[in-house]
Amino acid sequence: MAVEKSYYMTHEGKEKLEKELLYLKTERRQEVVERIKVARDFGDLSENSEYDAAKDEQAFVESRISQVEKMIRNAVIIENDNQNPNMVSLGKSVTFMELPDGEEETYTIVGSAEADPFEGKISNDSPMAKSLLGHEIGEEVAVTTPGGDIQVKILKVE
């Protein structure tokens, strides 16, 4: 039997997934069933684009339900251990500056299930997070990005 992937996330991230799952199972699933019923009333199913679209949407919703259930089942909650409060680790926010004279940037390093760069949350699997993990305040770190290598200095870890 294959070992299932662990999904690292915060308590908030798991709660967000649980809310999404409840919505998908109770509301979204019903909405799609109603769309299928309405589309079926349009007649010949072989030439009914509304029916095809509704069935595609149903497949997407069911796939997402399965995916979210798997993520919740294999969730590993990130606990902020305070063994070294100055070290970058999963679940912490890190502020750094691109050298020599870049702007300060702050990101929270989370599991891939909850990553959202627009909210300042980056995946622990991203090149930036992989480079920063395990380093401490004041250290200069080389980060390999798709645009080339950059040098950053860690300013703050929370």
C-alpha atoms as a PDB file:
ATOM      1  CA  MET A   1       0.000   0.000   0.000  1.00  0.00           C
ATOM      2  CA  ALA A   2       1.347   3.425  -0.939  1.00  0.00           C
ATOM      3  CA  VAL A   3       2.076   5.954   1.773  1.00  0.00           C
ATOM      4  CA  GLU A   4      -0.186   8.986   1.420  1.00  0.00           C
ATOM      5  CA  LYS A   5       1.316  12.455   1.295  1.00  0.00           C
ATOM      6  CA  SER A   6       1.169  14.564   4.460  1.00  0.00           C
ATOM      7  CA  TYR A   7      -0.320  18.035   4.154  1.00  0.00           C
ATOM      8  CA  TYR A   8       1.265  20.532   6.524  1.00  0.00           C
ATOM      9  CA  MET A   9      -1.099  23.272   7.653  1.00  0.00           C
ATOM     10  CA  THR A  10      -2.009  25.543  10.518  1.00  0.00           C
ATOM     11  CA  HIS A  11      -5.133  25.077  12.650  1.00  0.00           C
ATOM     12  CA  GLU A  12      -6.700  27.947  10.663  1.00  0.00           C
ATOM     13  CA  GLY A  13      -5.836  26.265   7.371  1.00  0.00           C
ATOM     14  CA  LYS A  14      -7.488  23.018   8.458  1.00  0.00           C
ATOM     15  CA  GLU A  15     -10.594  24.868   9.636  1.00  0.00           C
ATOM     16  CA  LYS A  16     -10.772  26.654   6.270  1.00  0.00           C
ATOM     17  CA  LEU A  17     -10.629  23.296   4.454  1.00  0.00           C
ATOM     18  CA  GLU A  18     -13.310  21.840   6.738  1.00  0.00           C
ATOM     19  CA  LYS A  19     -15.596  24.812   5.961  1.00  0.00           C
ATOM     20  CA  GLU A  20     -14.938  24.399   2.234  1.00  0.00           C
ATOM     21  CA  LEU A  21     -15.753  20.689   2.457  1.00  0.00           C
ATOM     22  CA  LEU A  22     -19.019  21.376   4.268  1.00  0.00           C
ATOM     23  CA  TYR A  23     -19.974  23.983   1.642  1.00  0.00           C
ATOM     24  CA  LEU A  24     -19.099  21.646  -1.243  1.00  0.00           C
ATOM     25  CA  LYS A  25     -21.069  18.732   0.220  1.00  0.00           C
ATOM     26  CA  THR A  26     -24.152  20.636   1.364  1.00  0.00           C
ATOM     27  CA  GLU A  27     -24.632  23.618  -0.942  1.00  0.00           C
ATOM     28  CA  ARG A  28     -22.451  23.315  -4.045  1.00  0.00           C
ATOM     29  CA  ARG A  29     -23.341  19.688  -4.735  1.00  0.00           C
ATOM     30  CA  GLN A  30     -27.070  20.566  -4.612  1.00  0.00           C
ATOM     31  CA  GLU A  31     -26.600  23.570  -6.909  1.00  0.00           C
ATOM     32  CA  VAL A  32     -24.949  21.355  -9.521  1.00  0.00           C
ATOM     33  CA  VAL A  33     -27.680  18.714  -9.252  1.00  0.00           C
ATOM     34  CA  GLU A  34     -30.262  21.458  -9.887  1.00  0.00           C
ATOM     35  CA  ARG A  35     -28.296  22.689 -12.926  1.00  0.00           C
ATOM     36  CA  ILE A  36     -28.275  19.145 -14.319  1.00  0.00           C
ATOM     37  CA  LYS A  37     -32.049  18.818 -13.795  1.00  0.00           C
ATOM     38  CA  VAL A  38     -32.723  22.119 -15.567  1.00  0.00           C
ATOM     39  CA  ALA A  39     -30.366  21.260 -18.433  1.00  0.00           C
ATOM     40  CA  ARG A  40     -31.979  17.848 -18.825  1.00  0.00           C
ATOM     41  CA  ASP A  41     -35.314  19.577 -19.464  1.00  0.00           C
ATOM     42  CA  PHE A  42     -33.815  21.313 -22.515  1.00  0.00           C
ATOM     43  CA  GLY A  43     -34.196  18.100 -24.480  1.00  0.00           C
ATOM     44  CA  ASP A  44     -31.769  15.960 -26.478  1.00  0.00           C
ATOM     45  CA  LEU A  45     -28.776  15.308 -24.207  1.00  0.00           C
ATOM     46  CA  SER A  46     -26.437  14.509 -27.109  1.00  0.00           C
ATOM     47  CA  GLU A  47     -26.523  18.133 -28.303  1.00  0.00           C
ATOM     48  CA  ASN A  48     -27.081  19.859 -24.980  1.00  0.00           C
ATOM     49  CA  SER A  49     -24.110  22.031 -24.049  1.00  0.00           C
ATOM     50  CA  GLU A  50     -25.723  23.158 -20.775  1.00  0.00           C
ATOM     51  CA  TYR A  51     -26.029  19.534 -19.700  1.00  0.00           C
ATOM     52  CA  ASP A  52     -22.412  18.806 -20.652  1.00  0.00           C
ATOM     53  CA  ALA A  53     -21.205  21.877 -18.750  1.00  0.00           C
ATOM     54  CA  ALA A  54     -23.221  20.916 -15.670  1.00  0.00           C
ATOM     55  CA  LYS A  55     -21.856  17.354 -15.765  1.00  0.00           C
ATOM     56  CA  ASP A  56     -18.301  18.726 -16.091  1.00  0.00           C
ATOM     57  CA  GLU A  57     -18.937  20.985 -13.105  1.00  0.00           C
ATOM     58  CA  GLN A  58     -20.287  18.013 -11.140  1.00  0.00           C
ATOM     59  CA  ALA A  59     -17.098  16.070 -11.887  1.00  0.00           C
ATOM     60  CA  PHE A  60     -15.011  19.047 -10.751  1.00  0.00           C
ATOM     61  CA  VAL A  61     -16.966  19.418  -7.488  1.00  0.00           C
ATOM     62  CA  GLU A  62     -16.726  15.693  -6.710  1.00  0.00           C
ATOM     63  CA  SER A  63     -13.003  15.733  -7.470  1.00  0.00           C
ATOM     64  CA  ARG A  64     -12.475  18.729  -5.172  1.00  0.00           C
ATOM     65  CA  ILE A  65     -14.477  17.019  -2.392  1.00  0.00           C
ATOM     66  CA  SER A  66     -12.242  13.973  -2.697  1.00  0.00           C
ATOM     67  CA  GLN A  67      -9.106  16.122  -2.702  1.00  0.00           C
ATOM     68  CA  VAL A  68     -10.159  18.163   0.353  1.00  0.00           C
ATOM     69  CA  GLU A  69     -11.144  15.015   2.272  1.00  0.00           C
ATOM     70  CA  LYS A  70      -7.717  13.541   1.556  1.00  0.00           C
ATOM     71  CA  MET A  71      -5.970  16.741   2.676  1.00  0.00           C
ATOM     72  CA  ILE A  72      -7.935  16.833   5.938  1.00  0.00           C
ATOM     73  CA  ARG A  73      -7.373  13.109   6.557  1.00  0.00           C
ATOM     74  CA  ASN A  74      -3.596  13.512   6.084  1.00  0.00           C
ATOM     75  CA  ALA A  75      -3.265  16.908   7.765  1.00  0.00           C
ATOM     76  CA  VAL A  76      -0.225  17.510   9.926  1.00  0.00           C
ATOM     77  CA  ILE A  77      -0.840  20.541  12.107  1.00  0.00           C
ATOM     78  CA  ILE A  78       2.076  22.950  12.300  1.00  0.00           C
ATOM     79  CA  GLU A  79       2.901  23.681  15.911  1.00  0.00           C
ATOM     80  CA  ASN A  80       5.167  26.639  16.547  1.00  0.00           C
ATOM     81  CA  ASP A  81       7.815  25.180  18.761  1.00  0.00           C
ATOM     82  CA  ASN A  82       9.645  27.935  20.520  1.00  0.00           C
ATOM     83  CA  GLN A  83      12.916  26.011  20.752  1.00  0.00           C
ATOM     84  CA  ASN A  84      14.656  28.676  18.679  1.00  0.00           C
ATOM     85  CA  PRO A  85      12.474  31.755  18.136  1.00  0.00           C
ATOM     86  CA  ASN A  86      15.091  33.284  15.782  1.00  0.00           C
ATOM     87  CA  MET A  87      15.085  30.356  13.327  1.00  0.00           C
ATOM     88  CA  VAL A  88      12.911  30.222  10.215  1.00  0.00           C
ATOM     89  CA  SER A  89      10.601  27.222  10.406  1.00  0.00           C
ATOM     90  CA  LEU A  90       7.234  26.025   9.160  1.00  0.00           C
ATOM     91  CA  GLY A  91       4.378  28.174  10.441  1.00  0.00           C
ATOM     92  CA  LYS A  92       6.502  31.254  11.120  1.00  0.00           C
ATOM     93  CA  SER A  93       6.558  34.589   9.340  1.00  0.00           C
ATOM     94  CA  VAL A  94       9.900  35.748   8.032  1.00  0.00           C
ATOM     95  CA  THR A  95      10.877  39.253   6.978  1.00  0.00           C
ATOM     96  CA  PHE A  96      13.883  39.593   4.688  1.00  0.00           C
ATOM     97  CA  MET A  97      15.503  42.105   2.410  1.00  0.00           C
ATOM     98  CA  GLU A  98      16.907  41.402  -1.028  1.00  0.00           C
ATOM     99  CA  LEU A  99      20.533  42.502  -1.122  1.00  0.00           C
ATOM    100  CA  PRO A 100      22.145  44.865  -1.786  1.00  0.00           C
ATOM    101  CA  ASP A 101      19.288  47.392  -1.503  1.00  0.00           C
ATOM    102  CA  GLY A 102      15.942  45.682  -1.979  1.00  0.00           C
ATOM    103  CA  GLU A 103      12.681  46.276  -0.209  1.00  0.00           C
ATOM    104  CA  GLU A 104      11.621  44.319   2.845  1.00  0.00           C
ATOM    105  CA  GLU A 105       9.260  41.423   2.187  1.00  0.00           C
ATOM    106  CA  THR A 106       7.373  39.298   4.700  1.00  0.00           C
ATOM    107  CA  TYR A 107       5.987  35.823   4.105  1.00  0.00           C
ATOM    108  CA  THR A 108       4.511  33.141   6.305  1.00  0.00           C
ATOM    109  CA  ILE A 109       5.817  29.673   5.478  1.00  0.00           C
ATOM    110  CA  VAL A 110       2.957  27.187   5.399  1.00  0.00           C
ATOM    111  CA  GLY A 111       2.242  23.786   3.879  1.00  0.00           C
ATOM    112  CA  SER A 112       1.360  23.564   0.195  1.00  0.00           C
ATOM    113  CA  ALA A 113      -2.332  22.993   1.031  1.00  0.00           C
ATOM    114  CA  GLU A 114      -2.672  26.494   2.401  1.00  0.00           C
ATOM    115  CA  ALA A 115      -0.171  28.465   0.320  1.00  0.00           C
ATOM    116  CA  ASP A 116      -1.489  31.725  -1.119  1.00  0.00           C
ATOM    117  CA  PRO A 117       1.186  34.184  -2.267  1.00  0.00           C
ATOM    118  CA  PHE A 118      -1.414  36.961  -2.584  1.00  0.00           C
ATOM    119  CA  GLU A 119      -2.014  36.638   1.175  1.00  0.00           C
ATOM    120  CA  GLY A 120       1.716  36.424   1.920  1.00  0.00           C
ATOM    121  CA  LYS A 121       1.679  32.661   2.531  1.00  0.00           C
ATOM    122  CA  ILE A 122       4.277  30.620   0.660  1.00  0.00           C
ATOM    123  CA  SER A 123       4.586  26.858   0.450  1.00  0.00           C
ATOM    124  CA  ASN A 124       7.348  25.089   2.309  1.00  0.00           C
ATOM    125  CA  ASP A 125       8.049  23.430  -1.069  1.00  0.00           C
ATOM    126  CA  SER A 126       8.750  26.761  -2.820  1.00  0.00           C
ATOM    127  CA  PRO A 127      12.369  27.651  -3.681  1.00  0.00           C
ATOM    128  CA  MET A 128      12.186  30.729  -1.426  1.00  0.00           C
ATOM    129  CA  ALA A 129      10.950  28.792   1.617  1.00  0.00           C
ATOM    130  CA  LYS A 130      13.347  25.890   1.056  1.00  0.00           C
ATOM    131  CA  SER A 131      16.244  28.348   1.025  1.00  0.00           C
ATOM    132  CA  LEU A 132      15.110  30.193   4.176  1.00  0.00           C
ATOM    133  CA  LEU A 133      14.107  27.229   6.361  1.00  0.00           C
ATOM    134  CA  GLY A 134      16.618  26.521   9.134  1.00  0.00           C
ATOM    135  CA  HIS A 135      18.339  29.903   8.894  1.00  0.00           C
ATOM    136  CA  GLU A 136      18.327  32.575  11.592  1.00  0.00           C
ATOM    137  CA  ILE A 137      17.904  36.327  11.944  1.00  0.00           C
ATOM    138  CA  GLY A 138      20.908  38.195  10.537  1.00  0.00           C
ATOM    139  CA  GLU A 139      21.981  35.445   8.151  1.00  0.00           C
ATOM    140  CA  GLU A 140      22.442  36.088   4.453  1.00  0.00           C
ATOM    141  CA  VAL A 141      20.944  33.344   2.294  1.00  0.00           C
ATOM    142  CA  ALA A 142      21.274  32.555  -1.418  1.00  0.00           C
ATOM    143  CA  VAL A 143      17.891  31.856  -3.024  1.00  0.00           C
ATOM    144  CA  THR A 144      17.515  30.249  -6.428  1.00  0.00           C
ATOM    145  CA  THR A 145      14.477  31.624  -8.261  1.00  0.00           C
ATOM    146  CA  PRO A 146      13.221  31.195 -11.819  1.00  0.00           C
ATOM    147  CA  GLY A 147      14.582  34.690 -12.524  1.00  0.00           C
ATOM    148  CA  GLY A 148      18.040  33.789 -11.242  1.00  0.00           C
ATOM    149  CA  ASP A 149      19.862  33.613  -7.934  1.00  0.00           C
ATOM    150  CA  ILE A 150      19.323  36.348  -5.367  1.00  0.00           C
ATOM    151  CA  GLN A 151      20.891  37.090  -1.997  1.00  0.00           C
ATOM    152  CA  VAL A 152      18.614  37.964   0.945  1.00  0.00           C
ATOM    153  CA  LYS A 153      19.206  38.929   4.560  1.00  0.00           C
ATOM    154  CA  ILE A 154      16.803  37.646   7.223  1.00  0.00           C
ATOM    155  CA  LEU A 155      15.632  40.585   9.332  1.00  0.00           C
ATOM    156  CA  LYS A 156      12.859  39.183  11.517  1.00  0.00           C
ATOM    157  CA  VAL A 157      11.211  35.851  12.398  1.00  0.00           C
ATOM    158  CA  GLU A 158       7.846  35.715  14.161  1.00  0.00           C
END
